[in-house]
Amino acid sequence: MLISNAYAQTAAAGGAMDIMSFLPIILMFAVLYFLMIRPQQKKAKEHKALIEALSKGDEVVTQSGMAGRIAKVGDEFVTIEIAENVEIKMQKGAVVVGLIKGTLKNL
């Protein structure tokens, strides 16, 4: 007739072709892990260590950009002295950076 018969081709390599077709996807996930996920986990681990190490007298900067000295540390909150006789109470998670002692005198 007018239509010729079509036959399925068989792969000579078999399983090797299946792995090679998934290799670019596997490489993409590896690159994604090392460029995005791993640095984010490292930063979260460092922030957690900073929060756990907070103590009275430490100089810190909060998420809102306020710099001050820790006056009191509680379970969930810290009291930060931002000026003489001016104290604010913030969640521990709002502390972003620990400063070197004596930094506030230079500001």
PDB file of N, CA and C in Angstrom:
ATOM      1  N   MET A   1       0.813  -1.179   0.000  1.00  0.00           N
ATOM      2  CA  MET A   1       0.000   0.000   0.000  1.00  0.00           C
ATOM      3  C   MET A   1       0.873   1.264   0.000  1.00  0.00           C
ATOM      4  N   LEU A   2       0.289   2.396   0.376  1.00  0.00           N
ATOM      5  CA  LEU A   2       1.017   3.664   0.354  1.00  0.00           C
ATOM      6  C   LEU A   2       1.827   3.926   1.628  1.00  0.00           C
ATOM      7  N   ILE A   3       1.453   3.310   2.714  1.00  0.00           N
ATOM      8  CA  ILE A   3       2.145   3.539   3.988  1.00  0.00           C
ATOM      9  C   ILE A   3       3.067   2.358   4.245  1.00  0.00           C
ATOM     10  N   SER A   4       4.346   2.678   4.526  1.00  0.00           N
ATOM     11  CA  SER A   4       5.293   1.594   4.791  1.00  0.00           C
ATOM     12  C   SER A   4       5.219   1.206   6.265  1.00  0.00           C
ATOM     13  N   ASN A   5       5.669   0.023   6.558  1.00  0.00           N
ATOM     14  CA  ASN A   5       5.652  -0.464   7.923  1.00  0.00           C
ATOM     15  C   ASN A   5       6.731   0.247   8.749  1.00  0.00           C
ATOM     16  N   ALA A   6       6.389   0.638  10.004  1.00  0.00           N
ATOM     17  CA  ALA A   6       7.356   1.274  10.906  1.00  0.00           C
ATOM     18  C   ALA A   6       7.697   0.285  12.011  1.00  0.00           C
ATOM     19  N   TYR A   7       8.959   0.138  12.290  1.00  0.00           N
ATOM     20  CA  TYR A   7       9.401  -0.791  13.312  1.00  0.00           C
ATOM     21  C   TYR A   7      10.133  -0.007  14.414  1.00  0.00           C
ATOM     22  N   ALA A   8       9.968  -0.442  15.622  1.00  0.00           N
ATOM     23  CA  ALA A   8      10.638   0.218  16.742  1.00  0.00           C
ATOM     24  C   ALA A   8      12.119  -0.114  16.709  1.00  0.00           C
ATOM     25  N   GLN A   9      12.936   0.903  16.970  1.00  0.00           N
ATOM     26  CA  GLN A   9      14.376   0.682  16.999  1.00  0.00           C
ATOM     27  C   GLN A   9      14.774   0.205  18.392  1.00  0.00           C
ATOM     28  N   THR A  10      15.717  -0.674  18.423  1.00  0.00           N
ATOM     29  CA  THR A  10      16.218  -1.155  19.713  1.00  0.00           C
ATOM     30  C   THR A  10      17.551  -0.477  19.983  1.00  0.00           C
ATOM     31  N   ALA A  11      17.747  -0.070  21.232  1.00  0.00           N
ATOM     32  CA  ALA A  11      18.994   0.587  21.605  1.00  0.00           C
ATOM     33  C   ALA A  11      20.059  -0.466  21.851  1.00  0.00           C
ATOM     34  N   ALA A  12      21.230  -0.222  21.307  1.00  0.00           N
ATOM     35  CA  ALA A  12      22.315  -1.177  21.453  1.00  0.00           C
ATOM     36  C   ALA A  12      22.885  -1.136  22.868  1.00  0.00           C
ATOM     37  N   ALA A  13      22.955   0.060  23.453  1.00  0.00           N
ATOM     38  CA  ALA A  13      23.563   0.197  24.772  1.00  0.00           C
ATOM     39  C   ALA A  13      22.580  -0.125  25.892  1.00  0.00           C
ATOM     40  N   GLY A  14      21.314   0.055  25.691  1.00  0.00           N
ATOM     41  CA  GLY A  14      20.291  -0.291  26.679  1.00  0.00           C
ATOM     42  C   GLY A  14      20.297   0.641  27.878  1.00  0.00           C
ATOM     43  N   GLY A  15      20.794   0.190  29.036  1.00  0.00           N
ATOM     44  CA  GLY A  15      20.758   0.947  30.284  1.00  0.00           C
ATOM     45  C   GLY A  15      21.668   2.165  30.296  1.00  0.00           C
ATOM     46  N   ALA A  16      22.750   2.152  29.531  1.00  0.00           N
ATOM     47  CA  ALA A  16      23.673   3.282  29.516  1.00  0.00           C
ATOM     48  C   ALA A  16      23.006   4.532  28.956  1.00  0.00           C
ATOM     49  N   MET A  17      22.127   4.399  28.031  1.00  0.00           N
ATOM     50  CA  MET A  17      21.439   5.552  27.448  1.00  0.00           C
ATOM     51  C   MET A  17      20.492   6.185  28.459  1.00  0.00           C
ATOM     52  N   ASP A  18      19.894   5.383  29.319  1.00  0.00           N
ATOM     53  CA  ASP A  18      18.986   5.918  30.325  1.00  0.00           C
ATOM     54  C   ASP A  18      19.730   6.792  31.326  1.00  0.00           C
ATOM     55  N   ILE A  19      20.894   6.354  31.793  1.00  0.00           N
ATOM     56  CA  ILE A  19      21.689   7.122  32.753  1.00  0.00           C
ATOM     57  C   ILE A  19      22.209   8.397  32.108  1.00  0.00           C
ATOM     58  N   MET A  20      22.656   8.316  30.878  1.00  0.00           N
ATOM     59  CA  MET A  20      23.191   9.483  30.184  1.00  0.00           C
ATOM     60  C   MET A  20      22.108  10.534  29.943  1.00  0.00           C
ATOM     61  N   SER A  21      20.872  10.123  29.800  1.00  0.00           N
ATOM     62  CA  SER A  21      19.806  11.101  29.587  1.00  0.00           C
ATOM     63  C   SER A  21      19.454  11.844  30.869  1.00  0.00           C
ATOM     64  N   PHE A  22      19.708  11.237  32.045  1.00  0.00           N
ATOM     65  CA  PHE A  22      19.434  11.890  33.322  1.00  0.00           C
ATOM     66  C   PHE A  22      20.641  12.650  33.869  1.00  0.00           C
ATOM     67  N   LEU A  23      21.795  12.496  33.267  1.00  0.00           N
ATOM     68  CA  LEU A  23      23.004  13.139  33.760  1.00  0.00           C
ATOM     69  C   LEU A  23      22.902  14.669  33.821  1.00  0.00           C
ATOM     70  N   PRO A  24      22.366  15.358  32.815  1.00  0.00           N
ATOM     71  CA  PRO A  24      22.244  16.822  32.921  1.00  0.00           C
ATOM     72  C   PRO A  24      21.340  17.265  34.079  1.00  0.00           C
ATOM     73  N   ILE A  25      20.295  16.542  34.356  1.00  0.00           N
ATOM     74  CA  ILE A  25      19.390  16.886  35.462  1.00  0.00           C
ATOM     75  C   ILE A  25      20.105  16.687  36.792  1.00  0.00           C
ATOM     76  N   ILE A  26      20.855  15.594  36.911  1.00  0.00           N
ATOM     77  CA  ILE A  26      21.607  15.324  38.137  1.00  0.00           C
ATOM     78  C   ILE A  26      22.653  16.413  38.357  1.00  0.00           C
ATOM     79  N   LEU A  27      23.340  16.819  37.303  1.00  0.00           N
ATOM     80  CA  LEU A  27      24.339  17.877  37.414  1.00  0.00           C
ATOM     81  C   LEU A  27      23.701  19.210  37.797  1.00  0.00           C
ATOM     82  N   MET A  28      22.518  19.510  37.280  1.00  0.00           N
ATOM     83  CA  MET A  28      21.815  20.742  37.648  1.00  0.00           C
ATOM     84  C   MET A  28      21.495  20.763  39.138  1.00  0.00           C
ATOM     85  N   PHE A  29      21.026  19.654  39.681  1.00  0.00           N
ATOM     86  CA  PHE A  29      20.714  19.596  41.111  1.00  0.00           C
ATOM     87  C   PHE A  29      21.984  19.723  41.957  1.00  0.00           C
ATOM     88  N   ALA A  30      23.079  19.161  41.498  1.00  0.00           N
ATOM     89  CA  ALA A  30      24.341  19.275  42.234  1.00  0.00           C
ATOM     90  C   ALA A  30      24.812  20.727  42.275  1.00  0.00           C
ATOM     91  N   VAL A  31      24.738  21.406  41.147  1.00  0.00           N
ATOM     92  CA  VAL A  31      25.124  22.815  41.096  1.00  0.00           C
ATOM     93  C   VAL A  31      24.187  23.653  41.959  1.00  0.00           C
ATOM     94  N   LEU A  32      22.908  23.399  41.900  1.00  0.00           N
ATOM     95  CA  LEU A  32      21.927  24.112  42.717  1.00  0.00           C
ATOM     96  C   LEU A  32      22.219  23.925  44.200  1.00  0.00           C
ATOM     97  N   TYR A  33      22.583  22.730  44.599  1.00  0.00           N
ATOM     98  CA  TYR A  33      22.888  22.453  45.997  1.00  0.00           C
ATOM     99  C   TYR A  33      24.097  23.249  46.455  1.00  0.00           C
ATOM    100  N   PHE A  34      25.178  23.224  45.670  1.00  0.00           N
ATOM    101  CA  PHE A  34      26.415  23.872  46.096  1.00  0.00           C
ATOM    102  C   PHE A  34      26.376  25.391  45.971  1.00  0.00           C
ATOM    103  N   LEU A  35      25.548  25.933  45.104  1.00  0.00           N
ATOM    104  CA  LEU A  35      25.493  27.383  44.937  1.00  0.00           C
ATOM    105  C   LEU A  35      24.402  28.061  45.753  1.00  0.00           C
ATOM    106  N   MET A  36      23.338  27.344  46.095  1.00  0.00           N
ATOM    107  CA  MET A  36      22.225  27.996  46.781  1.00  0.00           C
ATOM    108  C   MET A  36      21.890  27.377  48.134  1.00  0.00           C
ATOM    109  N   ILE A  37      21.695  26.100  48.191  1.00  0.00           N
ATOM    110  CA  ILE A  37      21.194  25.457  49.409  1.00  0.00           C
ATOM    111  C   ILE A  37      22.269  25.389  50.483  1.00  0.00           C
ATOM    112  N   ARG A  38      23.453  24.950  50.144  1.00  0.00           N
ATOM    113  CA  ARG A  38      24.513  24.785  51.140  1.00  0.00           C
ATOM    114  C   ARG A  38      24.930  26.112  51.788  1.00  0.00           C
ATOM    115  N   PRO A  39      25.147  27.200  51.031  1.00  0.00           N
ATOM    116  CA  PRO A  39      25.490  28.471  51.685  1.00  0.00           C
ATOM    117  C   PRO A  39      24.368  28.995  52.587  1.00  0.00           C
ATOM    118  N   GLN A  40      23.125  28.774  52.193  1.00  0.00           N
ATOM    119  CA  GLN A  40      21.998  29.214  53.016  1.00  0.00           C
ATOM    120  C   GLN A  40      21.949  28.433  54.331  1.00  0.00           C
ATOM    121  N   GLN A  41      22.209  27.139  54.284  1.00  0.00           N
ATOM    122  CA  GLN A  41      22.233  26.339  55.505  1.00  0.00           C
ATOM    123  C   GLN A  41      23.389  26.760  56.409  1.00  0.00           C
ATOM    124  N   LYS A  42      24.527  27.085  55.819  1.00  0.00           N
ATOM    125  CA  LYS A  42      25.679  27.523  56.598  1.00  0.00           C
ATOM    126  C   LYS A  42      25.382  28.853  57.299  1.00  0.00           C
ATOM    127  N   LYS A  43      24.743  29.771  56.585  1.00  0.00           N
ATOM    128  CA  LYS A  43      24.395  31.066  57.173  1.00  0.00           C
ATOM    129  C   LYS A  43      23.380  30.893  58.303  1.00  0.00           C
ATOM    130  N   ALA A  44      22.405  30.029  58.136  1.00  0.00           N
ATOM    131  CA  ALA A  44      21.418  29.773  59.188  1.00  0.00           C
ATOM    132  C   ALA A  44      22.074  29.155  60.417  1.00  0.00           C
ATOM    133  N   LYS A  45      23.044  28.281  60.214  1.00  0.00           N
ATOM    134  CA  LYS A  45      23.752  27.651  61.318  1.00  0.00           C
ATOM    135  C   LYS A  45      24.571  28.690  62.092  1.00  0.00           C
ATOM    136  N   GLU A  46      25.226  29.612  61.375  1.00  0.00           N
ATOM    137  CA  GLU A  46      25.997  30.670  62.019  1.00  0.00           C
ATOM    138  C   GLU A  46      25.094  31.612  62.817  1.00  0.00           C
ATOM    139  N   HIS A  47      23.912  31.936  62.265  1.00  0.00           N
ATOM    140  CA  HIS A  47      22.972  32.820  62.957  1.00  0.00           C
ATOM    141  C   HIS A  47      22.450  32.159  64.225  1.00  0.00           C
ATOM    142  N   LYS A  48      22.181  30.868  64.154  1.00  0.00           N
ATOM    143  CA  LYS A  48      21.709  30.141  65.332  1.00  0.00           C
ATOM    144  C   LYS A  48      22.775  30.141  66.426  1.00  0.00           C
ATOM    145  N   ALA A  49      24.038  29.963  66.032  1.00  0.00           N
ATOM    146  CA  ALA A  49      25.135  29.993  67.007  1.00  0.00           C
ATOM    147  C   ALA A  49      25.267  31.379  67.625  1.00  0.00           C
ATOM    148  N   LEU A  50      25.070  32.440  66.841  1.00  0.00           N
ATOM    149  CA  LEU A  50      25.121  33.810  67.358  1.00  0.00           C
ATOM    150  C   LEU A  50      24.020  34.040  68.380  1.00  0.00           C
ATOM    151  N   ILE A  51      22.808  33.596  68.076  1.00  0.00           N
ATOM    152  CA  ILE A  51      21.661  33.780  68.971  1.00  0.00           C
ATOM    153  C   ILE A  51      21.896  33.037  70.290  1.00  0.00           C
ATOM    154  N   GLU A  52      22.419  31.830  70.224  1.00  0.00           N
ATOM    155  CA  GLU A  52      22.644  31.037  71.440  1.00  0.00           C
ATOM    156  C   GLU A  52      23.770  31.606  72.298  1.00  0.00           C
ATOM    157  N   ALA A  53      24.708  32.339  71.675  1.00  0.00           N
ATOM    158  CA  ALA A  53      25.866  32.855  72.407  1.00  0.00           C
ATOM    159  C   ALA A  53      25.652  34.272  72.953  1.00  0.00           C
ATOM    160  N   LEU A  54      24.464  34.846  72.778  1.00  0.00           N
ATOM    161  CA  LEU A  54      24.227  36.206  73.261  1.00  0.00           C
ATOM    162  C   LEU A  54      24.339  36.269  74.775  1.00  0.00           C
ATOM    163  N   SER A  55      24.992  37.311  75.245  1.00  0.00           N
ATOM    164  CA  SER A  55      25.113  37.506  76.684  1.00  0.00           C
ATOM    165  C   SER A  55      25.091  39.001  76.995  1.00  0.00           C
ATOM    166  N   LYS A  56      24.907  39.297  78.267  1.00  0.00           N
ATOM    167  CA  LYS A  56      24.828  40.681  78.711  1.00  0.00           C
ATOM    168  C   LYS A  56      26.145  41.394  78.396  1.00  0.00           C
ATOM    169  N   GLY A  57      26.029  42.599  77.838  1.00  0.00           N
ATOM    170  CA  GLY A  57      27.201  43.395  77.502  1.00  0.00           C
ATOM    171  C   GLY A  57      27.647  43.279  76.059  1.00  0.00           C
ATOM    172  N   ASP A  58      27.125  42.315  75.318  1.00  0.00           N
ATOM    173  CA  ASP A  58      27.479  42.177  73.905  1.00  0.00           C
ATOM    174  C   ASP A  58      26.903  43.347  73.114  1.00  0.00           C
ATOM    175  N   GLU A  59      27.634  43.807  72.121  1.00  0.00           N
ATOM    176  CA  GLU A  59      27.161  44.861  71.240  1.00  0.00           C
ATOM    177  C   GLU A  59      26.653  44.213  69.957  1.00  0.00           C
ATOM    178  N   VAL A  60      25.440  44.601  69.550  1.00  0.00           N
ATOM    179  CA  VAL A  60      24.784  43.936  68.425  1.00  0.00           C
ATOM    180  C   VAL A  60      24.095  44.954  67.512  1.00  0.00           C
ATOM    181  N   VAL A  61      23.753  44.488  66.324  1.00  0.00           N
ATOM    182  CA  VAL A  61      22.924  45.241  65.383  1.00  0.00           C
ATOM    183  C   VAL A  61      21.701  44.388  65.089  1.00  0.00           C
ATOM    184  N   THR A  62      20.517  45.014  65.068  1.00  0.00           N
ATOM    185  CA  THR A  62      19.277  44.292  64.824  1.00  0.00           C
ATOM    186  C   THR A  62      18.889  44.369  63.353  1.00  0.00           C
ATOM    187  N   GLN A  63      17.846  43.652  62.986  1.00  0.00           N
ATOM    188  CA  GLN A  63      17.345  43.667  61.613  1.00  0.00           C
ATOM    189  C   GLN A  63      16.919  45.067  61.190  1.00  0.00           C
ATOM    190  N   SER A  64      16.430  45.843  62.120  1.00  0.00           N
ATOM    191  CA  SER A  64      15.960  47.191  61.794  1.00  0.00           C
ATOM    192  C   SER A  64      17.108  48.183  61.682  1.00  0.00           C
ATOM    193  N   GLY A  65      18.333  47.746  61.984  1.00  0.00           N
ATOM    194  CA  GLY A  65      19.488  48.603  61.845  1.00  0.00           C
ATOM    195  C   GLY A  65      19.888  49.315  63.122  1.00  0.00           C
ATOM    196  N   MET A  66      19.220  49.035  64.224  1.00  0.00           N
ATOM    197  CA  MET A  66      19.571  49.662  65.490  1.00  0.00           C
ATOM    198  C   MET A  66      20.759  48.945  66.115  1.00  0.00           C
ATOM    199  N   ALA A  67      21.720  49.745  66.568  1.00  0.00           N
ATOM    200  CA  ALA A  67      22.887  49.189  67.237  1.00  0.00           C
ATOM    201  C   ALA A  67      22.782  49.482  68.723  1.00  0.00           C
ATOM    202  N   GLY A  68      23.126  48.511  69.544  1.00  0.00           N
ATOM    203  CA  GLY A  68      23.043  48.714  70.979  1.00  0.00           C
ATOM    204  C   GLY A  68      23.769  47.642  71.743  1.00  0.00           C
ATOM    205  N   ARG A  69      23.694  47.767  73.052  1.00  0.00           N
ATOM    206  CA  ARG A  69      24.351  46.833  73.961  1.00  0.00           C
ATOM    207  C   ARG A  69      23.271  46.024  74.665  1.00  0.00           C
ATOM    208  N   ILE A  70      23.470  44.739  74.797  1.00  0.00           N
ATOM    209  CA  ILE A  70      22.483  43.879  75.445  1.00  0.00           C
ATOM    210  C   ILE A  70      22.518  44.124  76.948  1.00  0.00           C
ATOM    211  N   ALA A  71      21.333  44.441  77.512  1.00  0.00           N
ATOM    212  CA  ALA A  71      21.221  44.694  78.947  1.00  0.00           C
ATOM    213  C   ALA A  71      20.714  43.464  79.692  1.00  0.00           C
ATOM    214  N   LYS A  72      19.844  42.676  79.019  1.00  0.00           N
ATOM    215  CA  LYS A  72      19.278  41.500  79.672  1.00  0.00           C
ATOM    216  C   LYS A  72      18.940  40.466  78.606  1.00  0.00           C
ATOM    217  N   VAL A  73      19.177  39.203  78.918  1.00  0.00           N
ATOM    218  CA  VAL A  73      18.878  38.113  77.991  1.00  0.00           C
ATOM    219  C   VAL A  73      17.843  37.206  78.624  1.00  0.00           C
ATOM    220  N   GLY A  74      16.735  36.981  77.906  1.00  0.00           N
ATOM    221  CA  GLY A  74      15.705  36.055  78.357  1.00  0.00           C
ATOM    222  C   GLY A  74      15.674  34.826  77.470  1.00  0.00           C
ATOM    223  N   ASP A  75      14.608  34.026  77.619  1.00  0.00           N
ATOM    224  CA  ASP A  75      14.486  32.822  76.796  1.00  0.00           C
ATOM    225  C   ASP A  75      14.217  33.159  75.332  1.00  0.00           C
ATOM    226  N   GLU A  76      13.271  34.062  75.101  1.00  0.00           N
ATOM    227  CA  GLU A  76      12.894  34.416  73.735  1.00  0.00           C
ATOM    228  C   GLU A  76      13.224  35.853  73.381  1.00  0.00           C
ATOM    229  N   PHE A  77      13.409  36.710  74.387  1.00  0.00           N
ATOM    230  CA  PHE A  77      13.623  38.130  74.144  1.00  0.00           C
ATOM    231  C   PHE A  77      14.933  38.599  74.755  1.00  0.00           C
ATOM    232  N   VAL A  78      15.472  39.678  74.176  1.00  0.00           N
ATOM    233  CA  VAL A  78      16.627  40.360  74.741  1.00  0.00           C
ATOM    234  C   VAL A  78      16.259  41.825  74.925  1.00  0.00           C
ATOM    235  N   THR A  79      16.811  42.436  75.961  1.00  0.00           N
ATOM    236  CA  THR A  79      16.626  43.864  76.178  1.00  0.00           C
ATOM    237  C   THR A  79      17.905  44.542  75.724  1.00  0.00           C
ATOM    238  N   ILE A  80      17.763  45.480  74.780  1.00  0.00           N
ATOM    239  CA  ILE A  80      18.911  46.152  74.191  1.00  0.00           C
ATOM    240  C   ILE A  80      18.889  47.623  74.581  1.00  0.00           C
ATOM    241  N   GLU A  81      20.005  48.106  75.099  1.00  0.00           N
ATOM    242  CA  GLU A  81      20.137  49.519  75.441  1.00  0.00           C
ATOM    243  C   GLU A  81      20.693  50.231  74.211  1.00  0.00           C
ATOM    244  N   ILE A  82      19.866  51.112  73.596  1.00  0.00           N
ATOM    245  CA  ILE A  82      20.287  51.798  72.378  1.00  0.00           C
ATOM    246  C   ILE A  82      20.835  53.193  72.671  1.00  0.00           C
ATOM    247  N   ALA A  83      20.560  53.722  73.870  1.00  0.00           N
ATOM    248  CA  ALA A  83      21.106  54.997  74.352  1.00  0.00           C
ATOM    249  C   ALA A  83      21.043  54.943  75.865  1.00  0.00           C
ATOM    250  N   GLU A  84      21.588  55.945  76.521  1.00  0.00           N
ATOM    251  CA  GLU A  84      21.528  55.955  77.975  1.00  0.00           C
ATOM    252  C   GLU A  84      20.081  56.029  78.437  1.00  0.00           C
ATOM    253  N   ASN A  85      19.711  55.115  79.307  1.00  0.00           N
ATOM    254  CA  ASN A  85      18.362  55.026  79.876  1.00  0.00           C
ATOM    255  C   ASN A  85      17.280  54.769  78.831  1.00  0.00           C
ATOM    256  N   VAL A  86      17.652  54.276  77.663  1.00  0.00           N
ATOM    257  CA  VAL A  86      16.675  53.913  76.627  1.00  0.00           C
ATOM    258  C   VAL A  86      16.890  52.441  76.292  1.00  0.00           C
ATOM    259  N   GLU A  87      15.944  51.610  76.699  1.00  0.00           N
ATOM    260  CA  GLU A  87      16.039  50.178  76.449  1.00  0.00           C
ATOM    261  C   GLU A  87      14.831  49.711  75.658  1.00  0.00           C
ATOM    262  N   ILE A  88      15.056  48.794  74.746  1.00  0.00           N
ATOM    263  CA  ILE A  88      13.971  48.198  73.972  1.00  0.00           C
ATOM    264  C   ILE A  88      14.060  46.687  74.122  1.00  0.00           C
ATOM    265  N   LYS A  89      12.917  46.055  74.028  1.00  0.00           N
ATOM    266  CA  LYS A  89      12.844  44.601  74.142  1.00  0.00           C
ATOM    267  C   LYS A  89      12.556  44.043  72.756  1.00  0.00           C
ATOM    268  N   MET A  90      13.394  43.109  72.305  1.00  0.00           N
ATOM    269  CA  MET A  90      13.250  42.531  70.966  1.00  0.00           C
ATOM    270  C   MET A  90      13.397  41.018  71.047  1.00  0.00           C
ATOM    271  N   GLN A  91      12.877  40.350  70.024  1.00  0.00           N
ATOM    272  CA  GLN A  91      13.068  38.910  69.930  1.00  0.00           C
ATOM    273  C   GLN A  91      14.530  38.616  69.618  1.00  0.00           C
ATOM    274  N   LYS A  92      14.997  37.489  70.082  1.00  0.00           N
ATOM    275  CA  LYS A  92      16.391  37.116  69.844  1.00  0.00           C
ATOM    276  C   LYS A  92      16.702  37.001  68.349  1.00  0.00           C
ATOM    277  N   GLY A  93      15.741  36.548  67.587  1.00  0.00           N
ATOM    278  CA  GLY A  93      15.947  36.371  66.151  1.00  0.00           C
ATOM    279  C   GLY A  93      16.165  37.659  65.397  1.00  0.00           C
ATOM    280  N   ALA A  94      15.809  38.797  66.021  1.00  0.00           N
ATOM    281  CA  ALA A  94      15.993  40.089  65.367  1.00  0.00           C
ATOM    282  C   ALA A  94      17.445  40.546  65.403  1.00  0.00           C
ATOM    283  N   VAL A  95      18.263  39.912  66.229  1.00  0.00           N
ATOM    284  CA  VAL A  95      19.688  40.251  66.274  1.00  0.00           C
ATOM    285  C   VAL A  95      20.361  39.614  65.069  1.00  0.00           C
ATOM    286  N   VAL A  96      21.039  40.443  64.276  1.00  0.00           N
ATOM    287  CA  VAL A  96      21.628  39.956  63.036  1.00  0.00           C
ATOM    288  C   VAL A  96      23.145  39.835  63.120  1.00  0.00           C
ATOM    289  N   VAL A  97      23.781  40.833  63.727  1.00  0.00           N
ATOM    290  CA  VAL A  97      25.241  40.869  63.733  1.00  0.00           C
ATOM    291  C   VAL A  97      25.738  41.159  65.139  1.00  0.00           C
ATOM    292  N   GLY A  98      26.765  40.469  65.541  1.00  0.00           N
ATOM    293  CA  GLY A  98      27.457  40.787  66.784  1.00  0.00           C
ATOM    294  C   GLY A  98      28.641  41.684  66.468  1.00  0.00           C
ATOM    295  N   LEU A  99      28.788  42.766  67.209  1.00  0.00           N
ATOM    296  CA  LEU A  99      29.874  43.714  66.961  1.00  0.00           C
ATOM    297  C   LEU A  99      31.036  43.452  67.905  1.00  0.00           C
ATOM    298  N   ILE A 100      32.194  43.963  67.545  1.00  0.00           N
ATOM    299  CA  ILE A 100      33.364  43.891  68.402  1.00  0.00           C
ATOM    300  C   ILE A 100      33.166  44.887  69.543  1.00  0.00           C
ATOM    301  N   LYS A 101      33.565  44.506  70.749  1.00  0.00           N
ATOM    302  CA  LYS A 101      33.374  45.388  71.903  1.00  0.00           C
ATOM    303  C   LYS A 101      34.105  46.706  71.682  1.00  0.00           C
ATOM    304  N   GLY A 102      33.409  47.806  72.003  1.00  0.00           N
ATOM    305  CA  GLY A 102      33.974  49.132  71.826  1.00  0.00           C
ATOM    306  C   GLY A 102      33.550  49.787  70.526  1.00  0.00           C
ATOM    307  N   THR A 103      32.833  49.084  69.668  1.00  0.00           N
ATOM    308  CA  THR A 103      32.389  49.637  68.397  1.00  0.00           C
ATOM    309  C   THR A 103      31.393  50.764  68.607  1.00  0.00           C
ATOM    310  N   LEU A 104      30.527  50.643  69.591  1.00  0.00           N
ATOM    311  CA  LEU A 104      29.487  51.661  69.819  1.00  0.00           C
ATOM    312  C   LEU A 104      30.078  53.005  70.237  1.00  0.00           C
ATOM    313  N   LYS A 105      31.217  52.995  70.869  1.00  0.00           N
ATOM    314  CA  LYS A 105      31.856  54.260  71.272  1.00  0.00           C
ATOM    315  C   LYS A 105      32.302  55.056  70.056  1.00  0.00           C
ATOM    316  N   ASN A 106      32.638  54.358  68.982  1.00  0.00           N
ATOM    317  CA  ASN A 106      33.125  55.030  67.780  1.00  0.00           C
ATOM    318  C   ASN A 106      32.005  55.556  66.893  1.00  0.00           C
ATOM    319  N   LEU A 107      30.763  55.154  67.162  1.00  0.00           N
ATOM    320  CA  LEU A 107      29.643  55.583  66.315  1.00  0.00           C
ATOM    321  C   LEU A 107      29.203  56.951  66.647  1.00  0.00           C
TER     322      LEU A 107
END
